[in-house]
Amino acid sequence: MAEKDIGKALTEVLRGFQGAAPGVMGSAVVSVDGFTIASELPGSVEERRVSAMAAAMLALGEQTANEFEHGGLERVFVEGADGYTIVTSAGPEAVLAAIAGKDAKLGLIFLQMGRTAESVKEAMA
């Protein structure tokens, strides 16, 4: 699949994720190097910064889980006063990031992120 087609397919995957996970305000698929592959982020969010931070968060989370022998990393979760940022692996070359509001149902988001990460892996295979 051509790069442009992959980006389009992943944008549709992200739209589906956001539709299935109420409270998610934005999401992105980024490379492990921190470059945007596809995104559905609010206009107030700088895509390039989110991509770089998401990749860095996942890398640091993996190192931390390794260092403390926690097993394979499931996700990196940041809770702020007004919302959440959640990052998970979406295969060897991609990271899935989500931004959610404070009232979001985290269990549903975690479930949908797992499913979405699998869809991302398939689309990029």
PDB file of N, CA and C in Angstrom:
ATOM      1  N   MET A   1       0.853  -1.183   0.000  1.00  0.00           N
ATOM      2  CA  MET A   1       0.000   0.000   0.000  1.00  0.00           C
ATOM      3  C   MET A   1       0.892   1.237   0.000  1.00  0.00           C
ATOM      4  N   ALA A   2       0.566   2.194  -0.826  1.00  0.00           N
ATOM      5  CA  ALA A   2       1.347   3.428  -0.913  1.00  0.00           C
ATOM      6  C   ALA A   2       1.226   4.219   0.383  1.00  0.00           C
ATOM      7  N   GLU A   3       2.250   5.045   0.653  1.00  0.00           N
ATOM      8  CA  GLU A   3       2.295   5.822   1.893  1.00  0.00           C
ATOM      9  C   GLU A   3       1.048   6.686   2.076  1.00  0.00           C
ATOM     10  N   LYS A   4       0.597   7.322   0.997  1.00  0.00           N
ATOM     11  CA  LYS A   4      -0.592   8.174   1.063  1.00  0.00           C
ATOM     12  C   LYS A   4      -1.826   7.345   1.412  1.00  0.00           C
ATOM     13  N   ASP A   5      -1.929   6.145   0.819  1.00  0.00           N
ATOM     14  CA  ASP A   5      -3.059   5.265   1.095  1.00  0.00           C
ATOM     15  C   ASP A   5      -3.041   4.775   2.538  1.00  0.00           C
ATOM     16  N   ILE A   6      -1.851   4.491   3.065  1.00  0.00           N
ATOM     17  CA  ILE A   6      -1.736   4.071   4.462  1.00  0.00           C
ATOM     18  C   ILE A   6      -2.197   5.199   5.377  1.00  0.00           C
ATOM     19  N   GLY A   7      -1.767   6.412   5.085  1.00  0.00           N
ATOM     20  CA  GLY A   7      -2.194   7.562   5.885  1.00  0.00           C
ATOM     21  C   GLY A   7      -3.699   7.723   5.886  1.00  0.00           C
ATOM     22  N   LYS A   8      -4.319   7.561   4.713  1.00  0.00           N
ATOM     23  CA  LYS A   8      -5.781   7.655   4.603  1.00  0.00           C
ATOM     24  C   LYS A   8      -6.460   6.549   5.402  1.00  0.00           C
ATOM     25  N   ALA A   9      -5.958   5.328   5.249  1.00  0.00           N
ATOM     26  CA  ALA A   9      -6.538   4.188   5.961  1.00  0.00           C
ATOM     27  C   ALA A   9      -6.421   4.375   7.469  1.00  0.00           C
ATOM     28  N   LEU A  10      -5.270   4.862   7.917  1.00  0.00           N
ATOM     29  CA  LEU A  10      -5.072   5.061   9.350  1.00  0.00           C
ATOM     30  C   LEU A  10      -5.922   6.207   9.883  1.00  0.00           C
ATOM     31  N   THR A  11      -6.150   7.226   9.079  1.00  0.00           N
ATOM     32  CA  THR A  11      -7.041   8.310   9.498  1.00  0.00           C
ATOM     33  C   THR A  11      -8.442   7.763   9.734  1.00  0.00           C
ATOM     34  N   GLU A  12      -8.894   6.864   8.872  1.00  0.00           N
ATOM     35  CA  GLU A  12     -10.208   6.234   9.070  1.00  0.00           C
ATOM     36  C   GLU A  12     -10.219   5.374  10.333  1.00  0.00           C
ATOM     37  N   VAL A  13      -9.127   4.667  10.597  1.00  0.00           N
ATOM     38  CA  VAL A  13      -9.013   3.869  11.820  1.00  0.00           C
ATOM     39  C   VAL A  13      -9.127   4.783  13.043  1.00  0.00           C
ATOM     40  N   LEU A  14      -8.450   5.925  13.011  1.00  0.00           N
ATOM     41  CA  LEU A  14      -8.504   6.867  14.133  1.00  0.00           C
ATOM     42  C   LEU A  14      -9.912   7.433  14.319  1.00  0.00           C
ATOM     43  N   ARG A  15     -10.581   7.737  13.236  1.00  0.00           N
ATOM     44  CA  ARG A  15     -11.966   8.235  13.334  1.00  0.00           C
ATOM     45  C   ARG A  15     -12.867   7.185  13.970  1.00  0.00           C
ATOM     46  N   GLY A  16     -12.676   5.935  13.580  1.00  0.00           N
ATOM     47  CA  GLY A  16     -13.445   4.841  14.173  1.00  0.00           C
ATOM     48  C   GLY A  16     -13.169   4.699  15.659  1.00  0.00           C
ATOM     49  N   PHE A  17     -11.905   4.819  16.025  1.00  0.00           N
ATOM     50  CA  PHE A  17     -11.518   4.754  17.440  1.00  0.00           C
ATOM     51  C   PHE A  17     -12.207   5.854  18.232  1.00  0.00           C
ATOM     52  N   GLN A  18     -12.132   7.072  17.738  1.00  0.00           N
ATOM     53  CA  GLN A  18     -12.718   8.199  18.456  1.00  0.00           C
ATOM     54  C   GLN A  18     -14.239   8.074  18.541  1.00  0.00           C
ATOM     55  N   GLY A  19     -14.862   7.489  17.528  1.00  0.00           N
ATOM     56  CA  GLY A  19     -16.301   7.264  17.579  1.00  0.00           C
ATOM     57  C   GLY A  19     -16.692   6.197  18.580  1.00  0.00           C
ATOM     58  N   ALA A  20     -15.809   5.222  18.792  1.00  0.00           N
ATOM     59  CA  ALA A  20     -16.095   4.111  19.698  1.00  0.00           C
ATOM     60  C   ALA A  20     -15.668   4.381  21.136  1.00  0.00           C
ATOM     61  N   ALA A  21     -14.936   5.452  21.356  1.00  0.00           N
ATOM     62  CA  ALA A  21     -14.408   5.759  22.692  1.00  0.00           C
ATOM     63  C   ALA A  21     -14.786   7.188  23.073  1.00  0.00           C
ATOM     64  N   PRO A  22     -16.008   7.381  23.577  1.00  0.00           N
ATOM     65  CA  PRO A  22     -16.441   8.730  23.964  1.00  0.00           C
ATOM     66  C   PRO A  22     -15.465   9.362  24.956  1.00  0.00           C
ATOM     67  N   GLY A  23     -15.232  10.628  24.775  1.00  0.00           N
ATOM     68  CA  GLY A  23     -14.305  11.342  25.647  1.00  0.00           C
ATOM     69  C   GLY A  23     -12.938  11.533  25.035  1.00  0.00           C
ATOM     70  N   VAL A  24     -12.630  10.757  23.975  1.00  0.00           N
ATOM     71  CA  VAL A  24     -11.354  10.943  23.281  1.00  0.00           C
ATOM     72  C   VAL A  24     -11.491  12.176  22.396  1.00  0.00           C
ATOM     73  N   MET A  25     -10.631  13.143  22.636  1.00  0.00           N
ATOM     74  CA  MET A  25     -10.690  14.416  21.913  1.00  0.00           C
ATOM     75  C   MET A  25      -9.759  14.448  20.707  1.00  0.00           C
ATOM     76  N   GLY A  26      -8.815  13.525  20.672  1.00  0.00           N
ATOM     77  CA  GLY A  26      -7.879  13.479  19.566  1.00  0.00           C
ATOM     78  C   GLY A  26      -7.024  12.237  19.645  1.00  0.00           C
ATOM     79  N   SER A  27      -6.487  11.836  18.500  1.00  0.00           N
ATOM     80  CA  SER A  27      -5.615  10.663  18.470  1.00  0.00           C
ATOM     81  C   SER A  27      -4.660  10.779  17.291  1.00  0.00           C
ATOM     82  N   ALA A  28      -3.591  10.005  17.370  1.00  0.00           N
ATOM     83  CA  ALA A  28      -2.589  10.034  16.304  1.00  0.00           C
ATOM     84  C   ALA A  28      -1.845   8.712  16.248  1.00  0.00           C
ATOM     85  N   VAL A  29      -1.398   8.380  15.053  1.00  0.00           N
ATOM     86  CA  VAL A  29      -0.459   7.281  14.844  1.00  0.00           C
ATOM     87  C   VAL A  29       0.840   7.944  14.431  1.00  0.00           C
ATOM     88  N   VAL A  30       1.903   7.631  15.162  1.00  0.00           N
ATOM     89  CA  VAL A  30       3.199   8.239  14.876  1.00  0.00           C
ATOM     90  C   VAL A  30       4.258   7.152  14.756  1.00  0.00           C
ATOM     91  N   SER A  31       5.334   7.465  14.072  1.00  0.00           N
ATOM     92  CA  SER A  31       6.439   6.513  13.964  1.00  0.00           C
ATOM     93  C   SER A  31       7.195   6.477  15.288  1.00  0.00           C
ATOM     94  N   VAL A  32       7.949   5.416  15.504  1.00  0.00           N
ATOM     95  CA  VAL A  32       8.741   5.328  16.726  1.00  0.00           C
ATOM     96  C   VAL A  32       9.820   6.410  16.764  1.00  0.00           C
ATOM     97  N   ASP A  33      10.078   7.041  15.618  1.00  0.00           N
ATOM     98  CA  ASP A  33      11.020   8.158  15.543  1.00  0.00           C
ATOM     99  C   ASP A  33      10.360   9.499  15.833  1.00  0.00           C
ATOM    100  N   GLY A  34       9.037   9.501  16.015  1.00  0.00           N
ATOM    101  CA  GLY A  34       8.343  10.728  16.382  1.00  0.00           C
ATOM    102  C   GLY A  34       7.751  11.529  15.238  1.00  0.00           C
ATOM    103  N   PHE A  35       7.575  10.901  14.078  1.00  0.00           N
ATOM    104  CA  PHE A  35       6.972  11.595  12.938  1.00  0.00           C
ATOM    105  C   PHE A  35       5.514  11.175  12.781  1.00  0.00           C
ATOM    106  N   THR A  36       4.661  12.118  12.440  1.00  0.00           N
ATOM    107  CA  THR A  36       3.239  11.837  12.276  1.00  0.00           C
ATOM    108  C   THR A  36       3.002  10.969  11.047  1.00  0.00           C
ATOM    109  N   ILE A  37       2.224   9.911  11.236  1.00  0.00           N
ATOM    110  CA  ILE A  37       1.791   9.065  10.125  1.00  0.00           C
ATOM    111  C   ILE A  37       0.343   9.415   9.769  1.00  0.00           C
ATOM    112  N   ALA A  38      -0.498   9.567  10.795  1.00  0.00           N
ATOM    113  CA  ALA A  38      -1.898   9.971  10.611  1.00  0.00           C
ATOM    114  C   ALA A  38      -2.364  10.597  11.916  1.00  0.00           C
ATOM    115  N   SER A  39      -3.283  11.556  11.819  1.00  0.00           N
ATOM    116  CA  SER A  39      -3.787  12.159  13.054  1.00  0.00           C
ATOM    117  C   SER A  39      -5.195  12.692  12.889  1.00  0.00           C
ATOM    118  N   GLU A  40      -5.883  12.719  13.996  1.00  0.00           N
ATOM    119  CA  GLU A  40      -7.199  13.332  14.142  1.00  0.00           C
ATOM    120  C   GLU A  40      -7.128  14.116  15.450  1.00  0.00           C
ATOM    121  N   LEU A  41      -6.394  15.209  15.416  1.00  0.00           N
ATOM    122  CA  LEU A  41      -6.158  16.014  16.613  1.00  0.00           C
ATOM    123  C   LEU A  41      -6.927  17.325  16.527  1.00  0.00           C
ATOM    124  N   PRO A  42      -7.309  17.882  17.690  1.00  0.00           N
ATOM    125  CA  PRO A  42      -7.966  19.190  17.671  1.00  0.00           C
ATOM    126  C   PRO A  42      -7.020  20.251  17.105  1.00  0.00           C
ATOM    127  N   GLY A  43      -7.586  21.293  16.529  1.00  0.00           N
ATOM    128  CA  GLY A  43      -6.790  22.353  15.919  1.00  0.00           C
ATOM    129  C   GLY A  43      -5.859  23.061  16.879  1.00  0.00           C
ATOM    130  N   SER A  44      -6.176  23.024  18.169  1.00  0.00           N
ATOM    131  CA  SER A  44      -5.353  23.709  19.163  1.00  0.00           C
ATOM    132  C   SER A  44      -4.093  22.927  19.530  1.00  0.00           C
ATOM    133  N   VAL A  45      -3.981  21.708  19.026  1.00  0.00           N
ATOM    134  CA  VAL A  45      -2.862  20.833  19.372  1.00  0.00           C
ATOM    135  C   VAL A  45      -1.865  20.816  18.218  1.00  0.00           C
ATOM    136  N   GLU A  46      -0.596  21.031  18.534  1.00  0.00           N
ATOM    137  CA  GLU A  46       0.447  21.015  17.510  1.00  0.00           C
ATOM    138  C   GLU A  46       0.859  19.571  17.213  1.00  0.00           C
ATOM    139  N   GLU A  47       0.508  19.115  16.034  1.00  0.00           N
ATOM    140  CA  GLU A  47       0.701  17.728  15.624  1.00  0.00           C
ATOM    141  C   GLU A  47       2.144  17.248  15.777  1.00  0.00           C
ATOM    142  N   ARG A  48       3.097  18.044  15.338  1.00  0.00           N
ATOM    143  CA  ARG A  48       4.503  17.622  15.395  1.00  0.00           C
ATOM    144  C   ARG A  48       4.987  17.443  16.828  1.00  0.00           C
ATOM    145  N   ARG A  49       4.551  18.314  17.714  1.00  0.00           N
ATOM    146  CA  ARG A  49       4.950  18.180  19.124  1.00  0.00           C
ATOM    147  C   ARG A  49       4.342  16.932  19.747  1.00  0.00           C
ATOM    148  N   VAL A  50       3.057  16.701  19.472  1.00  0.00           N
ATOM    149  CA  VAL A  50       2.392  15.508  19.998  1.00  0.00           C
ATOM    150  C   VAL A  50       3.108  14.256  19.509  1.00  0.00           C
ATOM    151  N   SER A  51       3.450  14.218  18.245  1.00  0.00           N
ATOM    152  CA  SER A  51       4.123  13.050  17.677  1.00  0.00           C
ATOM    153  C   SER A  51       5.465  12.791  18.349  1.00  0.00           C
ATOM    154  N   ALA A  52       6.252  13.825  18.494  1.00  0.00           N
ATOM    155  CA  ALA A  52       7.565  13.673  19.133  1.00  0.00           C
ATOM    156  C   ALA A  52       7.423  13.235  20.587  1.00  0.00           C
ATOM    157  N   MET A  53       6.490  13.853  21.314  1.00  0.00           N
ATOM    158  CA  MET A  53       6.302  13.495  22.724  1.00  0.00           C
ATOM    159  C   MET A  53       5.774  12.074  22.880  1.00  0.00           C
ATOM    160  N   ALA A  54       4.840  11.664  22.019  1.00  0.00           N
ATOM    161  CA  ALA A  54       4.274  10.318  22.119  1.00  0.00           C
ATOM    162  C   ALA A  54       5.349   9.254  21.923  1.00  0.00           C
ATOM    163  N   ALA A  55       6.193   9.432  20.922  1.00  0.00           N
ATOM    164  CA  ALA A  55       7.267   8.467  20.678  1.00  0.00           C
ATOM    165  C   ALA A  55       8.242   8.434  21.850  1.00  0.00           C
ATOM    166  N   ALA A  56       8.578   9.595  22.383  1.00  0.00           N
ATOM    167  CA  ALA A  56       9.494   9.663  23.526  1.00  0.00           C
ATOM    168  C   ALA A  56       8.872   9.025  24.766  1.00  0.00           C
ATOM    169  N   MET A  57       7.578   9.280  24.988  1.00  0.00           N
ATOM    170  CA  MET A  57       6.889   8.687  26.140  1.00  0.00           C
ATOM    171  C   MET A  57       6.914   7.168  26.069  1.00  0.00           C
ATOM    172  N   LEU A  58       6.629   6.622  24.884  1.00  0.00           N
ATOM    173  CA  LEU A  58       6.613   5.172  24.744  1.00  0.00           C
ATOM    174  C   LEU A  58       8.007   4.592  24.967  1.00  0.00           C
ATOM    175  N   ALA A  59       9.023   5.213  24.397  1.00  0.00           N
ATOM    176  CA  ALA A  59      10.394   4.719  24.566  1.00  0.00           C
ATOM    177  C   ALA A  59      10.803   4.739  26.035  1.00  0.00           C
ATOM    178  N   LEU A  60      10.495   5.818  26.726  1.00  0.00           N
ATOM    179  CA  LEU A  60      10.838   5.913  28.145  1.00  0.00           C
ATOM    180  C   LEU A  60      10.030   4.916  28.974  1.00  0.00           C
ATOM    181  N   GLY A  61       8.765   4.736  28.632  1.00  0.00           N
ATOM    182  CA  GLY A  61       7.936   3.749  29.324  1.00  0.00           C
ATOM    183  C   GLY A  61       8.485   2.345  29.167  1.00  0.00           C
ATOM    184  N   GLU A  62       8.932   2.009  27.950  1.00  0.00           N
ATOM    185  CA  GLU A  62       9.514   0.691  27.707  1.00  0.00           C
ATOM    186  C   GLU A  62      10.793   0.500  28.510  1.00  0.00           C
ATOM    187  N   GLN A  63      11.632   1.534  28.558  1.00  0.00           N
ATOM    188  CA  GLN A  63      12.871   1.450  29.340  1.00  0.00           C
ATOM    189  C   GLN A  63      12.562   1.279  30.825  1.00  0.00           C
ATOM    190  N   THR A  64      11.576   2.009  31.309  1.00  0.00           N
ATOM    191  CA  THR A  64      11.202   1.930  32.722  1.00  0.00           C
ATOM    192  C   THR A  64      10.660   0.546  33.062  1.00  0.00           C
ATOM    193  N   ALA A  65       9.753   0.032  32.240  1.00  0.00           N
ATOM    194  CA  ALA A  65       9.191  -1.298  32.475  1.00  0.00           C
ATOM    195  C   ALA A  65      10.287  -2.354  32.460  1.00  0.00           C
ATOM    196  N   ASN A  66      11.240  -2.203  31.556  1.00  0.00           N
ATOM    197  CA  ASN A  66      12.379  -3.116  31.474  1.00  0.00           C
ATOM    198  C   ASN A  66      13.247  -3.036  32.722  1.00  0.00           C
ATOM    199  N   GLU A  67      13.598  -1.812  33.087  1.00  0.00           N
ATOM    200  CA  GLU A  67      14.494  -1.584  34.230  1.00  0.00           C
ATOM    201  C   GLU A  67      13.940  -2.186  35.518  1.00  0.00           C
ATOM    202  N   PHE A  68      12.638  -2.043  35.722  1.00  0.00           N
ATOM    203  CA  PHE A  68      12.026  -2.525  36.961  1.00  0.00           C
ATOM    204  C   PHE A  68      11.384  -3.897  36.807  1.00  0.00           C
ATOM    205  N   GLU A  69      11.679  -4.561  35.680  1.00  0.00           N
ATOM    206  CA  GLU A  69      11.220  -5.924  35.410  1.00  0.00           C
ATOM    207  C   GLU A  69       9.709  -6.062  35.569  1.00  0.00           C
ATOM    208  N   HIS A  70       8.970  -5.141  34.932  1.00  0.00           N
ATOM    209  CA  HIS A  70       7.508  -5.164  34.975  1.00  0.00           C
ATOM    210  C   HIS A  70       6.906  -5.976  33.833  1.00  0.00           C
ATOM    211  N   GLY A  71       7.728  -6.531  32.978  1.00  0.00           N
ATOM    212  CA  GLY A  71       7.212  -7.247  31.814  1.00  0.00           C
ATOM    213  C   GLY A  71       6.971  -6.280  30.668  1.00  0.00           C
ATOM    214  N   GLY A  72       6.280  -6.770  29.655  1.00  0.00           N
ATOM    215  CA  GLY A  72       6.010  -5.945  28.474  1.00  0.00           C
ATOM    216  C   GLY A  72       5.132  -4.750  28.805  1.00  0.00           C
ATOM    217  N   LEU A  73       5.458  -3.635  28.221  1.00  0.00           N
ATOM    218  CA  LEU A  73       4.708  -2.401  28.462  1.00  0.00           C
ATOM    219  C   LEU A  73       3.337  -2.479  27.806  1.00  0.00           C
ATOM    220  N   GLU A  74       2.288  -2.181  28.561  1.00  0.00           N
ATOM    221  CA  GLU A  74       0.928  -2.125  28.026  1.00  0.00           C
ATOM    222  C   GLU A  74       0.629  -0.738  27.473  1.00  0.00           C
ATOM    223  N   ARG A  75       0.914   0.284  28.293  1.00  0.00           N
ATOM    224  CA  ARG A  75       0.617   1.664  27.893  1.00  0.00           C
ATOM    225  C   ARG A  75       1.344   2.618  28.827  1.00  0.00           C
ATOM    226  N   VAL A  76       1.473   3.854  28.383  1.00  0.00           N
ATOM    227  CA  VAL A  76       1.948   4.950  29.225  1.00  0.00           C
ATOM    228  C   VAL A  76       0.744   5.862  29.414  1.00  0.00           C
ATOM    229  N   PHE A  77       0.493   6.213  30.657  1.00  0.00           N
ATOM    230  CA  PHE A  77      -0.719   6.940  31.021  1.00  0.00           C
ATOM    231  C   PHE A  77      -0.335   8.178  31.819  1.00  0.00           C
ATOM    232  N   VAL A  78      -0.760   9.341  31.348  1.00  0.00           N
ATOM    233  CA  VAL A  78      -0.492  10.595  32.052  1.00  0.00           C
ATOM    234  C   VAL A  78      -1.837  11.196  32.442  1.00  0.00           C
ATOM    235  N   GLU A  79      -1.998  11.471  33.727  1.00  0.00           N
ATOM    236  CA  GLU A  79      -3.234  12.080  34.223  1.00  0.00           C
ATOM    237  C   GLU A  79      -2.952  13.507  34.652  1.00  0.00           C
ATOM    238  N   GLY A  80      -3.632  14.437  34.019  1.00  0.00           N
ATOM    239  CA  GLY A  80      -3.540  15.842  34.391  1.00  0.00           C
ATOM    240  C   GLY A  80      -4.821  16.272  35.086  1.00  0.00           C
ATOM    241  N   ALA A  81      -4.856  17.487  35.565  1.00  0.00           N
ATOM    242  CA  ALA A  81      -6.037  17.993  36.254  1.00  0.00           C
ATOM    243  C   ALA A  81      -7.261  18.012  35.344  1.00  0.00           C
ATOM    244  N   ASP A  82      -7.063  18.190  34.049  1.00  0.00           N
ATOM    245  CA  ASP A  82      -8.193  18.333  33.132  1.00  0.00           C
ATOM    246  C   ASP A  82      -8.296  17.243  32.070  1.00  0.00           C
ATOM    247  N   GLY A  83      -7.460  16.221  32.154  1.00  0.00           N
ATOM    248  CA  GLY A  83      -7.566  15.172  31.148  1.00  0.00           C
ATOM    249  C   GLY A  83      -6.399  14.208  31.172  1.00  0.00           C
ATOM    250  N   TYR A  84      -6.374  13.362  30.152  1.00  0.00           N
ATOM    251  CA  TYR A  84      -5.416  12.265  30.095  1.00  0.00           C
ATOM    252  C   TYR A  84      -4.715  12.222  28.741  1.00  0.00           C
ATOM    253  N   THR A  85      -3.501  11.707  28.765  1.00  0.00           N
ATOM    254  CA  THR A  85      -2.790  11.340  27.548  1.00  0.00           C
ATOM    255  C   THR A  85      -2.406   9.878  27.705  1.00  0.00           C
ATOM    256  N   ILE A  86      -2.717   9.082  26.699  1.00  0.00           N
ATOM    257  CA  ILE A  86      -2.460   7.649  26.752  1.00  0.00           C
ATOM    258  C   ILE A  86      -1.695   7.270  25.489  1.00  0.00           C
ATOM    259  N   VAL A  87      -0.633   6.494  25.666  1.00  0.00           N
ATOM    260  CA  VAL A  87       0.216   6.090  24.546  1.00  0.00           C
ATOM    261  C   VAL A  87       0.437   4.586  24.637  1.00  0.00           C
ATOM    262  N   THR A  88       0.351   3.906  23.503  1.00  0.00           N
ATOM    263  CA  THR A  88       0.606   2.475  23.461  1.00  0.00           C
ATOM    264  C   THR A  88       1.312   2.113  22.156  1.00  0.00           C
ATOM    265  N   SER A  89       1.973   0.989  22.161  1.00  0.00           N
ATOM    266  CA  SER A  89       2.640   0.510  20.953  1.00  0.00           C
ATOM    267  C   SER A  89       1.590   0.026  19.955  1.00  0.00           C
ATOM    268  N   ALA A  90       1.850   0.264  18.687  1.00  0.00           N
ATOM    269  CA  ALA A  90       0.978  -0.220  17.615  1.00  0.00           C
ATOM    270  C   ALA A  90       1.843  -0.963  16.598  1.00  0.00           C
ATOM    271  N   GLY A  91       2.653  -1.874  17.095  1.00  0.00           N
ATOM    272  CA  GLY A  91       3.568  -2.619  16.245  1.00  0.00           C
ATOM    273  C   GLY A  91       4.985  -2.115  16.400  1.00  0.00           C
ATOM    274  N   PRO A  92       5.922  -2.735  15.692  1.00  0.00           N
ATOM    275  CA  PRO A  92       7.333  -2.381  15.860  1.00  0.00           C
ATOM    276  C   PRO A  92       7.708  -0.996  15.340  1.00  0.00           C
ATOM    277  N   GLU A  93       6.878  -0.416  14.479  1.00  0.00           N
ATOM    278  CA  GLU A  93       7.225   0.865  13.866  1.00  0.00           C
ATOM    279  C   GLU A  93       6.282   2.007  14.213  1.00  0.00           C
ATOM    280  N   ALA A  94       5.246   1.745  15.032  1.00  0.00           N
ATOM    281  CA  ALA A  94       4.235   2.781  15.249  1.00  0.00           C
ATOM    282  C   ALA A  94       3.804   2.890  16.705  1.00  0.00           C
ATOM    283  N   VAL A  95       3.322   4.071  17.028  1.00  0.00           N
ATOM    284  CA  VAL A  95       2.826   4.416  18.356  1.00  0.00           C
ATOM    285  C   VAL A  95       1.422   4.986  18.171  1.00  0.00           C
ATOM    286  N   LEU A  96       0.494   4.581  19.034  1.00  0.00           N
ATOM    287  CA  LEU A  96      -0.860   5.135  19.037  1.00  0.00           C
ATOM    288  C   LEU A  96      -0.993   6.028  20.260  1.00  0.00           C
ATOM    289  N   ALA A  97      -1.395   7.270  20.041  1.00  0.00           N
ATOM    290  CA  ALA A  97      -1.563   8.232  21.135  1.00  0.00           C
ATOM    291  C   ALA A  97      -3.000   8.727  21.150  1.00  0.00           C
ATOM    292  N   ALA A  98      -3.525   8.949  22.358  1.00  0.00           N
ATOM    293  CA  ALA A  98      -4.878   9.487  22.503  1.00  0.00           C
ATOM    294  C   ALA A  98      -4.878  10.563  23.570  1.00  0.00           C
ATOM    295  N   ILE A  99      -5.706  11.579  23.334  1.00  0.00           N
ATOM    296  CA  ILE A  99      -5.914  12.661  24.294  1.00  0.00           C
ATOM    297  C   ILE A  99      -7.381  12.588  24.694  1.00  0.00           C
ATOM    298  N   ALA A 100      -7.646  12.531  26.002  1.00  0.00           N
ATOM    299  CA  ALA A 100      -9.020  12.379  26.477  1.00  0.00           C
ATOM    300  C   ALA A 100      -9.339  13.392  27.565  1.00  0.00           C
ATOM    301  N   GLY A 101     -10.607  13.731  27.653  1.00  0.00           N
ATOM    302  CA  GLY A 101     -11.071  14.646  28.681  1.00  0.00           C
ATOM    303  C   GLY A 101     -11.184  13.964  30.033  1.00  0.00           C
ATOM    304  N   LYS A 102     -11.324  14.749  31.069  1.00  0.00           N
ATOM    305  CA  LYS A 102     -11.356  14.247  32.442  1.00  0.00           C
ATOM    306  C   LYS A 102     -12.515  13.284  32.694  1.00  0.00           C
ATOM    307  N   ASP A 103     -13.633  13.452  31.990  1.00  0.00           N
ATOM    308  CA  ASP A 103     -14.803  12.603  32.214  1.00  0.00           C
ATOM    309  C   ASP A 103     -14.821  11.353  31.341  1.00  0.00           C
ATOM    310  N   ALA A 104     -13.768  11.105  30.605  1.00  0.00           N
ATOM    311  CA  ALA A 104     -13.708   9.948  29.712  1.00  0.00           C
ATOM    312  C   ALA A 104     -13.727   8.650  30.510  1.00  0.00           C
ATOM    313  N   LYS A 105     -14.292   7.625  29.911  1.00  0.00           N
ATOM    314  CA  LYS A 105     -14.337   6.285  30.514  1.00  0.00           C
ATOM    315  C   LYS A 105     -13.050   5.549  30.138  1.00  0.00           C
ATOM    316  N   LEU A 106     -12.124   5.509  31.073  1.00  0.00           N
ATOM    317  CA  LEU A 106     -10.790   4.981  30.766  1.00  0.00           C
ATOM    318  C   LEU A 106     -10.795   3.513  30.385  1.00  0.00           C
ATOM    319  N   GLY A 107     -11.610   2.704  31.042  1.00  0.00           N
ATOM    320  CA  GLY A 107     -11.665   1.284  30.697  1.00  0.00           C
ATOM    321  C   GLY A 107     -12.041   1.076  29.240  1.00  0.00           C
ATOM    322  N   LEU A 108     -13.025   1.825  28.780  1.00  0.00           N
ATOM    323  CA  LEU A 108     -13.453   1.731  27.385  1.00  0.00           C
ATOM    324  C   LEU A 108     -12.350   2.227  26.448  1.00  0.00           C
ATOM    325  N   ILE A 109     -11.688   3.302  26.838  1.00  0.00           N
ATOM    326  CA  ILE A 109     -10.592   3.820  26.009  1.00  0.00           C
ATOM    327  C   ILE A 109      -9.465   2.799  25.915  1.00  0.00           C
ATOM    328  N   PHE A 110      -9.083   2.192  27.041  1.00  0.00           N
ATOM    329  CA  PHE A 110      -8.017   1.189  27.015  1.00  0.00           C
ATOM    330  C   PHE A 110      -8.400   0.021  26.101  1.00  0.00           C
ATOM    331  N   LEU A 111      -9.646  -0.442  26.206  1.00  0.00           N
ATOM    332  CA  LEU A 111     -10.117  -1.537  25.362  1.00  0.00           C
ATOM    333  C   LEU A 111     -10.048  -1.153  23.885  1.00  0.00           C
ATOM    334  N   GLN A 112     -10.578   0.010  23.552  1.00  0.00           N
ATOM    335  CA  GLN A 112     -10.588   0.458  22.161  1.00  0.00           C
ATOM    336  C   GLN A 112      -9.185   0.757  21.639  1.00  0.00           C
ATOM    337  N   MET A 113      -8.303   1.228  22.514  1.00  0.00           N
ATOM    338  CA  MET A 113      -6.917   1.465  22.076  1.00  0.00           C
ATOM    339  C   MET A 113      -6.246   0.154  21.691  1.00  0.00           C
ATOM    340  N   GLY A 114      -6.501  -0.904  22.450  1.00  0.00           N
ATOM    341  CA  GLY A 114      -5.935  -2.209  22.108  1.00  0.00           C
ATOM    342  C   GLY A 114      -6.410  -2.679  20.746  1.00  0.00           C
ATOM    343  N   ARG A 115      -7.707  -2.535  20.510  1.00  0.00           N
ATOM    344  CA  ARG A 115      -8.275  -2.932  19.220  1.00  0.00           C
ATOM    345  C   ARG A 115      -7.729  -2.065  18.088  1.00  0.00           C
ATOM    346  N   THR A 116      -7.636  -0.774  18.356  1.00  0.00           N
ATOM    347  CA  THR A 116      -7.141   0.155  17.337  1.00  0.00           C
ATOM    348  C   THR A 116      -5.674  -0.111  17.026  1.00  0.00           C
ATOM    349  N   ALA A 117      -4.879  -0.397  18.048  1.00  0.00           N
ATOM    350  CA  ALA A 117      -3.463  -0.711  17.826  1.00  0.00           C
ATOM    351  C   ALA A 117      -3.326  -1.926  16.908  1.00  0.00           C
ATOM    352  N   GLU A 118      -4.190  -2.923  17.084  1.00  0.00           N
ATOM    353  CA  GLU A 118      -4.163  -4.096  16.202  1.00  0.00           C
ATOM    354  C   GLU A 118      -4.509  -3.705  14.768  1.00  0.00           C
ATOM    355  N   SER A 119      -5.496  -2.829  14.606  1.00  0.00           N
ATOM    356  CA  SER A 119      -5.871  -2.356  13.266  1.00  0.00           C
ATOM    357  C   SER A 119      -4.729  -1.585  12.613  1.00  0.00           C
ATOM    358  N   VAL A 120      -4.020  -0.799  13.411  1.00  0.00           N
ATOM    359  CA  VAL A 120      -2.869  -0.048  12.895  1.00  0.00           C
ATOM    360  C   VAL A 120      -1.786  -1.015  12.423  1.00  0.00           C
ATOM    361  N   LYS A 121      -1.496  -2.031  13.236  1.00  0.00           N
ATOM    362  CA  LYS A 121      -0.490  -3.033  12.856  1.00  0.00           C
ATOM    363  C   LYS A 121      -0.849  -3.680  11.521  1.00  0.00           C
ATOM    364  N   GLU A 122      -2.122  -4.065  11.377  1.00  0.00           N
ATOM    365  CA  GLU A 122      -2.572  -4.711  10.141  1.00  0.00           C
ATOM    366  C   GLU A 122      -2.430  -3.771   8.943  1.00  0.00           C
ATOM    367  N   ALA A 123      -2.815  -2.519   9.125  1.00  0.00           N
ATOM    368  CA  ALA A 123      -2.747  -1.552   8.023  1.00  0.00           C
ATOM    369  C   ALA A 123      -1.312  -1.283   7.590  1.00  0.00           C
ATOM    370  N   MET A 124      -0.383  -1.378   8.529  1.00  0.00           N
ATOM    371  CA  MET A 124       1.014  -1.065   8.222  1.00  0.00           C
ATOM    372  C   MET A 124       1.821  -2.292   7.796  1.00  0.00           C
ATOM    373  N   ALA A 125       1.202  -3.460   7.866  1.00  0.00           N
ATOM    374  CA  ALA A 125       1.921  -4.703   7.516  1.00  0.00           C
ATOM    375  C   ALA A 125       2.151  -4.815   6.023  1.00  0.00           C
TER     376      ALA A 125
END
